[in-house]
Protein backbone atom coordinates (compact mmCIF):
# COMPACT_ATOMS: atom_id res chain seq x y z
CA UNK A 1 -79.95 56.06 -50.14
CA UNK A 2 -80.54 59.73 -50.90
CA UNK A 3 -76.95 59.98 -52.27
CA UNK A 4 -77.52 57.15 -54.77
CA UNK A 5 -80.86 58.70 -55.84
CA UNK A 6 -79.13 62.00 -56.67
CA UNK A 7 -76.42 60.19 -58.64
CA UNK A 8 -79.06 58.26 -60.61
CA UNK A 9 -80.98 61.46 -61.50
CA UNK A 10 -77.79 63.24 -62.64
CA UNK A 11 -76.81 60.24 -64.77
CA UNK A 12 -80.25 60.20 -66.41
CA UNK A 13 -80.01 63.90 -67.24
CA UNK A 14 -76.57 63.39 -68.83
CA UNK A 15 -77.94 60.57 -71.03
CA UNK A 16 -80.93 62.64 -72.14
CA UNK A 17 -78.68 65.61 -72.94
CA UNK A 18 -76.35 63.43 -75.02
CA UNK A 19 -79.30 62.05 -76.99
CA UNK A 20 -80.50 65.55 -77.70
CA UNK A 21 -77.09 66.63 -79.00
CA UNK A 22 -76.80 63.53 -81.17
CA UNK A 23 -80.14 64.23 -82.83
CA UNK A 24 -79.25 67.85 -83.46
CA UNK A 25 -75.90 67.00 -85.08
CA UNK A 26 -77.47 64.35 -87.31
CA UNK A 27 -79.84 66.97 -88.68
CA UNK A 28 -76.96 69.20 -89.79
CA UNK A 29 -75.83 66.98 -92.64
CA UNK A 30 -75.96 67.29 -96.42
CA UNK A 31 -79.76 67.36 -96.62
CA UNK A 32 -79.96 71.01 -95.56
CA UNK A 33 -81.80 70.96 -92.23
CA UNK A 34 -84.36 73.74 -91.79
CA UNK A 35 -84.33 74.99 -88.21
CA UNK A 36 -87.90 76.27 -88.33
CA UNK A 37 -89.82 73.27 -89.68
CA UNK A 38 -87.42 70.50 -88.71
CA UNK A 39 -87.37 69.27 -92.32
CA UNK A 40 -84.97 69.85 -95.18
CA UNK A 41 -84.92 73.13 -97.12
CA UNK A 42 -86.69 71.43 -100.04
CA UNK A 43 -89.42 70.10 -97.76
CA UNK A 44 -89.80 73.52 -96.17
CA UNK A 45 -90.12 75.27 -99.55
CA UNK A 46 -92.72 72.77 -100.73
CA UNK A 47 -94.67 73.18 -97.51
CA UNK A 48 -94.63 76.98 -97.82
CA UNK A 49 -95.26 76.86 -101.57
CA UNK A 50 -92.75 79.60 -102.33
CA UNK A 51 -89.05 80.24 -102.80
CA UNK A 52 -86.97 83.38 -102.18
CA UNK A 53 -84.86 84.15 -105.24
CA UNK A 54 -81.95 86.59 -105.48
CA UNK A 55 -80.97 88.15 -108.82
CA UNK A 56 -78.70 90.96 -110.01
CA UNK A 57 -80.01 93.90 -112.03
CA UNK A 58 -78.37 92.88 -115.31
CA UNK A 59 -80.45 92.59 -118.45
CA UNK A 60 -81.17 90.14 -119.98
CA UNK A 61 -79.98 87.73 -117.27
CA UNK A 62 -82.13 89.12 -114.47
CA UNK A 63 -83.84 92.42 -113.70
CA UNK A 64 -86.95 94.09 -112.33
CA UNK A 65 -89.63 95.41 -114.70
CA UNK A 66 -91.38 98.76 -114.28
CA UNK A 67 -94.27 97.03 -112.51
CA UNK A 68 -91.93 95.38 -110.00
CA UNK A 69 -91.77 91.88 -111.48
CA UNK A 70 -88.40 90.11 -111.40
CA UNK A 71 -87.71 88.48 -114.75
CA UNK A 72 -84.87 87.72 -117.16
CA UNK A 73 -83.54 84.54 -118.71
CA UNK A 74 -82.09 83.15 -115.45
CA UNK A 75 -85.15 83.82 -113.22
CA UNK A 76 -87.52 82.44 -115.86
CA UNK A 77 -85.53 79.21 -116.08
CA UNK A 78 -85.63 78.99 -112.29
CA UNK A 79 -89.37 79.65 -112.20
CA UNK A 80 -89.96 76.87 -114.74
CA UNK A 81 -87.88 74.42 -112.69
CA UNK A 82 -89.58 75.22 -109.39
CA UNK A 83 -93.01 74.95 -111.02
CA UNK A 84 -92.17 71.34 -111.87
CA UNK A 85 -91.14 70.87 -108.24
CA UNK A 86 -94.64 72.01 -107.21
CA UNK A 87 -93.57 75.48 -106.06
CA UNK A 88 -95.45 78.12 -108.03
CA UNK A 89 -94.55 81.26 -106.08
CA UNK A 90 -91.06 82.63 -106.71
CA UNK A 91 -90.39 85.83 -104.76
CA UNK A 92 -87.58 87.58 -106.61
CA UNK A 93 -85.43 90.34 -105.16
CA UNK A 94 -82.80 92.39 -106.99
CA UNK A 95 -79.48 93.07 -105.27
CA UNK A 96 -75.92 93.93 -106.27
CA UNK A 97 -74.11 91.14 -108.11
CA UNK A 98 -71.31 90.96 -105.55
CA UNK A 99 -73.85 90.56 -102.73
CA UNK A 100 -75.65 87.53 -104.15
CA UNK A 101 -73.59 84.73 -102.61
CA UNK A 102 -73.16 86.47 -99.20
CA UNK A 103 -76.94 87.03 -99.08
CA UNK A 104 -77.51 83.36 -99.95
CA UNK A 105 -75.17 82.27 -97.17
CA UNK A 106 -77.01 84.57 -94.75
CA UNK A 107 -80.29 82.78 -95.72
CA UNK A 108 -81.78 85.93 -97.17
CA UNK A 109 -82.41 83.86 -100.31
CA UNK A 110 -83.06 80.16 -100.91
CA UNK A 111 -81.34 80.27 -104.29
CA UNK A 112 -79.67 82.93 -106.44
CA UNK A 113 -79.67 83.00 -110.22
CA UNK A 114 -78.13 85.63 -112.46
CA UNK A 115 -76.42 83.64 -115.18
CA UNK A 116 -73.51 83.61 -112.70
CA UNK A 117 -70.42 82.04 -114.20
CA UNK A 118 -69.23 78.91 -112.42
CA UNK A 119 -65.76 79.78 -111.09
CA UNK A 120 -63.55 77.86 -108.60
CA UNK A 121 -63.48 80.74 -106.09
CA UNK A 122 -67.29 80.84 -106.14
CA UNK A 123 -67.53 77.04 -105.87
CA UNK A 124 -65.58 77.34 -102.62
CA UNK A 125 -68.36 79.51 -101.18
CA UNK A 126 -71.53 77.89 -102.51
CA UNK A 127 -72.86 74.97 -104.59
CA UNK A 128 -73.72 75.54 -108.24
CA UNK A 129 -76.44 73.62 -110.02
CA UNK A 130 -75.93 72.16 -113.49
CA UNK A 131 -75.09 74.48 -116.39
CA UNK A 132 -78.11 76.38 -117.76
CA UNK A 133 -76.53 78.81 -120.22
CA UNK A 134 -73.19 79.71 -121.83
CA UNK A 135 -72.17 83.09 -123.18
CA UNK A 136 -69.25 85.24 -124.40
CA UNK A 137 -67.91 88.73 -123.73
CA UNK A 138 -68.53 92.21 -125.17
CA UNK A 139 -67.18 95.76 -124.95
CA UNK A 140 -68.63 99.28 -125.22
CA UNK A 141 -66.46 102.29 -126.11
CA UNK A 142 -66.79 106.02 -126.62
CA UNK A 143 -68.51 107.04 -129.86
CA UNK A 144 -66.18 106.56 -132.81
CA UNK A 145 -63.93 104.26 -130.75
CA UNK A 146 -61.07 106.83 -130.55
CA UNK A 147 -58.69 104.37 -128.82
CA UNK A 148 -59.37 101.69 -131.49
CA UNK A 149 -60.32 99.01 -128.96
CA UNK A 150 -61.57 95.68 -130.33
CA UNK A 151 -60.47 93.17 -127.69
CA UNK A 152 -59.48 92.85 -124.04
CA UNK A 153 -55.94 92.41 -125.30
CA UNK A 154 -56.10 95.92 -126.83
CA UNK A 155 -56.73 97.35 -123.36
CA UNK A 156 -53.71 95.49 -122.01
CA UNK A 157 -51.50 96.81 -124.81
CA UNK A 158 -52.27 100.46 -124.05
CA UNK A 159 -51.51 101.52 -120.45
CA UNK A 160 -53.32 104.82 -121.03
CA UNK A 161 -56.68 103.07 -121.55
CA UNK A 162 -59.12 103.12 -118.63
CA UNK A 163 -61.87 100.50 -118.32
CA UNK A 164 -64.88 100.21 -115.99
CA UNK A 165 -66.31 96.86 -114.90
CA UNK A 166 -69.02 95.51 -112.62
CA UNK A 167 -67.79 94.93 -109.07
CA UNK A 168 -67.34 91.21 -108.41
CA UNK A 169 -67.66 90.21 -112.07
CA UNK A 170 -65.49 87.75 -114.04
CA UNK A 171 -64.09 90.50 -116.22
CA UNK A 172 -61.74 91.68 -113.48
CA UNK A 173 -59.94 88.34 -113.51
CA UNK A 174 -59.91 88.18 -117.32
CA UNK A 175 -58.35 91.63 -117.64
CA UNK A 176 -55.74 90.96 -114.96
CA UNK A 177 -54.69 87.68 -116.56
CA UNK A 178 -54.26 89.47 -119.89
CA UNK A 179 -51.95 92.05 -118.35
CA UNK A 180 -54.25 95.01 -117.62
CA UNK A 181 -52.91 97.01 -114.65
CA UNK A 182 -54.87 97.85 -111.50
CA UNK A 183 -54.62 101.58 -112.22
CA UNK A 184 -56.43 101.03 -115.54
CA UNK A 185 -59.48 99.46 -113.89
CA UNK A 186 -62.47 101.12 -112.20
CA UNK A 187 -65.46 99.30 -110.73
CA UNK A 188 -69.14 100.21 -110.44
CA UNK A 189 -72.15 98.50 -108.86
CA UNK A 190 -74.52 98.74 -111.84
CA UNK A 191 -74.52 98.35 -115.62
CA UNK A 192 -75.84 101.88 -116.06
CA UNK A 193 -72.98 103.28 -113.97
CA UNK A 194 -70.43 101.48 -116.14
CA UNK A 195 -72.02 102.81 -119.32
CA UNK A 196 -72.19 106.31 -117.80
CA UNK A 197 -68.46 106.17 -117.09
CA UNK A 198 -67.84 105.67 -120.81
CA UNK A 199 -70.41 108.25 -121.92
CA UNK A 200 -68.89 110.91 -119.65
CA UNK A 201 -65.38 110.21 -120.95
CA UNK A 202 -64.10 109.17 -117.51
CA UNK A 203 -63.09 105.80 -118.96
CA UNK A 204 -62.45 104.60 -122.51
CA UNK A 205 -64.38 101.33 -122.33
CA UNK A 206 -66.54 99.05 -120.26
CA UNK A 207 -66.59 95.27 -120.58
CA UNK A 208 -69.27 92.76 -119.65
CA UNK A 209 -71.05 89.77 -121.13
CA UNK A 210 -72.15 90.18 -124.73
CA UNK A 211 -75.91 90.04 -124.21
CA UNK A 212 -75.82 92.45 -121.26
CA UNK A 213 -73.67 94.90 -123.20
CA UNK A 214 -76.01 94.99 -126.18
CA UNK A 215 -79.00 95.66 -123.93
CA UNK A 216 -77.08 98.43 -122.17
CA UNK A 217 -75.94 100.16 -125.36
CA UNK A 218 -79.46 100.16 -126.81
CA UNK A 219 -80.67 101.98 -123.68
CA UNK A 220 -77.75 104.44 -123.61
CA UNK A 221 -77.11 107.77 -125.33
CA UNK A 222 -75.79 106.38 -128.61
CA UNK A 223 -74.31 109.73 -129.58
CA UNK A 224 -71.70 109.11 -126.86
CA UNK A 225 -71.25 105.35 -126.62
CA UNK A 226 -71.27 102.37 -128.99
CA UNK A 227 -70.55 98.65 -129.05
CA UNK A 228 -66.98 97.84 -130.10
CA UNK A 229 -67.20 96.15 -133.49
CA UNK A 230 -65.62 93.93 -134.56
CA UNK A 231 -64.84 92.35 -131.21
CA UNK A 232 -62.46 89.43 -130.63
CA UNK A 233 -63.29 87.10 -127.75
CA UNK A 234 -60.47 87.08 -125.16
CA UNK A 235 -58.10 84.12 -125.01
CA UNK A 236 -56.45 83.05 -121.78
CA UNK A 237 -53.90 80.26 -121.78
CA UNK A 238 -54.53 79.72 -125.48
CA UNK A 239 -58.24 79.04 -124.96
CA UNK A 240 -61.19 81.29 -125.80
CA UNK A 241 -63.06 82.56 -122.75
CA UNK A 242 -66.62 81.28 -122.46
CA UNK A 243 -68.77 81.65 -119.34
CA UNK A 244 -71.13 78.96 -118.02
CA UNK A 245 -74.03 80.12 -115.87
CA UNK A 246 -76.01 78.19 -113.28
CA UNK A 247 -78.25 78.63 -110.25
CA UNK A 248 -76.47 78.76 -106.88
CA UNK A 249 -77.40 77.01 -103.62
CA UNK A 250 -76.03 76.78 -100.11
CA UNK A 251 -73.56 73.91 -99.75
CA UNK A 252 -75.74 72.09 -97.22
CA UNK A 253 -78.79 72.10 -99.52
CA UNK A 254 -77.77 69.07 -101.60
CA UNK A 255 -81.30 67.64 -101.75
CA UNK A 256 -82.68 70.92 -103.10
CA UNK A 257 -79.88 71.23 -105.67
CA UNK A 258 -80.24 67.64 -106.87
CA UNK A 259 -84.02 68.01 -107.24
CA UNK A 260 -83.45 71.25 -109.17
CA UNK A 261 -80.91 69.57 -111.46
CA UNK A 262 -83.28 66.70 -112.23
CA UNK A 263 -86.05 69.06 -113.39
CA UNK A 264 -83.55 71.27 -115.22
CA UNK A 265 -82.42 68.27 -117.29
CA UNK A 266 -86.03 67.62 -118.31
CA UNK A 267 -86.36 71.27 -119.31
CA UNK A 268 -83.23 70.99 -121.49
CA UNK A 269 -84.15 67.62 -123.00
CA UNK A 270 -87.66 68.80 -123.90
CA UNK A 271 -86.41 71.91 -125.69
CA UNK A 272 -88.36 74.21 -123.37
CA UNK A 273 -85.20 75.87 -122.13
CA UNK A 274 -84.42 77.03 -125.68
CA UNK A 275 -87.83 78.75 -125.82
CA UNK A 276 -86.91 80.69 -122.65
CA UNK A 277 -83.47 81.56 -124.03
CA UNK A 278 -84.95 82.85 -127.29
CA UNK A 279 -87.46 85.00 -125.42
CA UNK A 280 -84.53 87.03 -124.07
CA UNK A 281 -82.45 87.24 -127.23
CA UNK A 282 -80.33 84.12 -126.83
CA UNK A 283 -80.19 81.12 -129.17
CA UNK A 284 -78.92 77.60 -129.72
CA UNK A 285 -75.30 78.77 -129.34
CA UNK A 286 -76.12 79.60 -125.72
CA UNK A 287 -77.40 76.13 -124.82
CA UNK A 288 -75.29 74.06 -122.39
CA UNK A 289 -72.63 71.89 -124.06
CA UNK A 290 -70.45 69.08 -122.70
CA UNK A 291 -68.81 71.31 -120.06
CA UNK A 292 -70.06 70.42 -116.57
CA UNK A 293 -70.22 72.22 -113.27
CA UNK A 294 -67.56 69.86 -111.95
CA UNK A 295 -65.29 70.82 -114.87
CA UNK A 296 -65.66 74.51 -114.11
CA UNK A 297 -65.18 74.17 -110.36
CA UNK A 298 -61.99 72.16 -110.91
CA UNK A 299 -60.30 74.73 -113.19
């Protein structure tokens, strides 16, 4: 009798354990289960009333003001979206551009937004929201432009030209595809460091997005550095390069991303997103067009 009682108790424990594992696995689906509250990430953020936002220090896309506020065109779009979702507190933190997605994956941030271009290699690591902004490229050179540089192709044509770029940025891929050699390229972790490399004469040029470059040149010693004018947008595979920026989420946070996209569409349809773009020096040409996130991820 005692033997059968022991067997029955062991069997009951096995059943209870299996039920517990089944419940845990079900919670790890596409909704983005939050281990602390038991709800989804979206539910958790609404309950807490705040979201942790990661940005890169790159004007005008995202940066920290002198009084410590995180702002820029991308954070302000994100703030407007989350306000419509009932989340008024957005705690922004500035980090290096190349660290944004790893920090998101490590749950240091709930979302990152820096006008980050939607690229297939990035889509493999995280989930982009819908397109918020599109933008082109720009280049800064030494005063007087002694190497006569007016395009990325000009850098490729002259093996003696040195160029500095932001670590982890699109420009590395653009330059490589156009034939620029590894020994021509330096990287730096900040816009100011890239501009300083040109000003000091260590490199001949730095390349970055157009709006960022103009902000950087205005703040630089203009007796040593200037914007390359005229500038021809790079062409790769016969097509002009245009970047498409969006907010970035963890892959499991589908509910959060879909809710964000729904409010973003309202912001675009109402014209309010254009007001935010114009506040930071952008215009109608920077509004999203027919290119989708799916299009960019599939390239």
